[in-house]
């Protein structure tokens, strides 16, 4: 398996985890960059959102996953 294929597979795993944790994720290409938004309903009836941009789809998934987990940790504290 090539390094590119491994990176794409890892990105799909992280994306899958986000969705299993209740996040909806939208990503699209904007010129040379990828932009994305992940949101999850909060217990108060509002949505918790994280967004970002990156040079590759895999980097964007990693960034959104990291921000989502950090946000959840802050809400739990």
Protein backbone atom coordinates (compact mmCIF):
# COMPACT_ATOMS: atom_id res chain seq x y z
CA UNK A 1 0.00 0.00 0.00
CA UNK A 2 1.40 3.40 -0.96
CA UNK A 3 1.88 6.21 1.58
CA UNK A 4 -0.83 8.20 -0.21
CA UNK A 5 -3.29 5.31 0.07
CA UNK A 6 -2.47 4.89 3.76
CA UNK A 7 -3.03 8.60 4.42
CA UNK A 8 -6.38 8.51 2.61
CA UNK A 9 -7.42 5.44 4.58
CA UNK A 10 -6.48 7.12 7.88
CA UNK A 11 -8.52 10.16 6.83
CA UNK A 12 -11.55 7.97 6.17
CA UNK A 13 -11.17 6.36 9.60
CA UNK A 14 -11.11 9.76 11.34
CA UNK A 15 -14.08 10.92 9.29
CA UNK A 16 -15.92 7.76 10.26
CA UNK A 17 -15.21 8.37 13.95
CA UNK A 18 -16.51 11.93 13.72
CA UNK A 19 -19.74 10.67 12.20
CA UNK A 20 -20.08 7.92 14.80
CA UNK A 21 -19.69 10.56 17.50
CA UNK A 22 -22.64 12.48 16.06
CA UNK A 23 -20.86 15.06 13.92
CA UNK A 24 -22.00 16.01 10.44
CA UNK A 25 -19.12 17.01 8.19
CA UNK A 26 -19.10 19.05 4.98
CA UNK A 27 -15.88 19.51 3.01
CA UNK A 28 -15.22 21.04 -0.38
CA UNK A 29 -12.36 22.21 -2.50
CA UNK A 30 -11.78 25.97 -2.77
CA UNK A 31 -9.09 26.50 -5.36
CA UNK A 32 -5.93 24.80 -4.13
CA UNK A 33 -7.25 24.34 -0.57
CA UNK A 34 -9.90 22.25 1.15
CA UNK A 35 -12.37 23.93 3.49
CA UNK A 36 -14.68 22.19 5.92
CA UNK A 37 -17.24 22.48 8.67
CA UNK A 38 -18.15 19.91 11.29
CA UNK A 39 -21.15 20.42 13.54
CA UNK A 40 -22.90 18.50 16.27
CA UNK A 41 -26.13 19.30 18.11
CA UNK A 42 -25.49 20.49 21.66
CA UNK A 43 -27.69 19.50 24.60
CA UNK A 44 -28.93 23.10 24.83
CA UNK A 45 -30.48 22.92 21.37
CA UNK A 46 -27.74 24.81 19.56
CA UNK A 47 -25.03 23.39 17.31
CA UNK A 48 -21.38 23.14 18.30
CA UNK A 49 -19.27 23.92 15.21
CA UNK A 50 -15.65 23.69 14.19
CA UNK A 51 -14.19 24.70 10.85
CA UNK A 52 -10.87 24.85 9.08
CA UNK A 53 -8.94 24.76 5.86
CA UNK A 54 -5.92 22.77 4.73
CA UNK A 55 -3.85 21.96 1.68
CA UNK A 56 -5.18 18.39 1.46
CA UNK A 57 -8.40 16.59 2.28
CA UNK A 58 -6.56 14.32 4.73
CA UNK A 59 -5.07 17.31 6.58
CA UNK A 60 -8.51 18.92 6.80
CA UNK A 61 -10.09 15.78 8.26
CA UNK A 62 -7.31 15.60 10.85
CA UNK A 63 -7.76 19.28 11.72
CA UNK A 64 -11.54 19.01 12.08
CA UNK A 65 -11.21 15.85 14.19
CA UNK A 66 -8.67 17.49 16.48
CA UNK A 67 -10.76 20.65 16.91
CA UNK A 68 -13.93 18.65 17.52
CA UNK A 69 -12.32 16.54 20.24
CA UNK A 70 -10.71 19.59 21.89
CA UNK A 71 -14.06 21.38 21.82
CA UNK A 72 -15.80 18.44 23.43
CA UNK A 73 -13.15 18.33 26.15
CA UNK A 74 -13.69 22.03 26.87
CA UNK A 75 -17.45 21.56 27.06
CA UNK A 76 -17.04 18.64 29.46
CA UNK A 77 -14.75 20.58 31.78
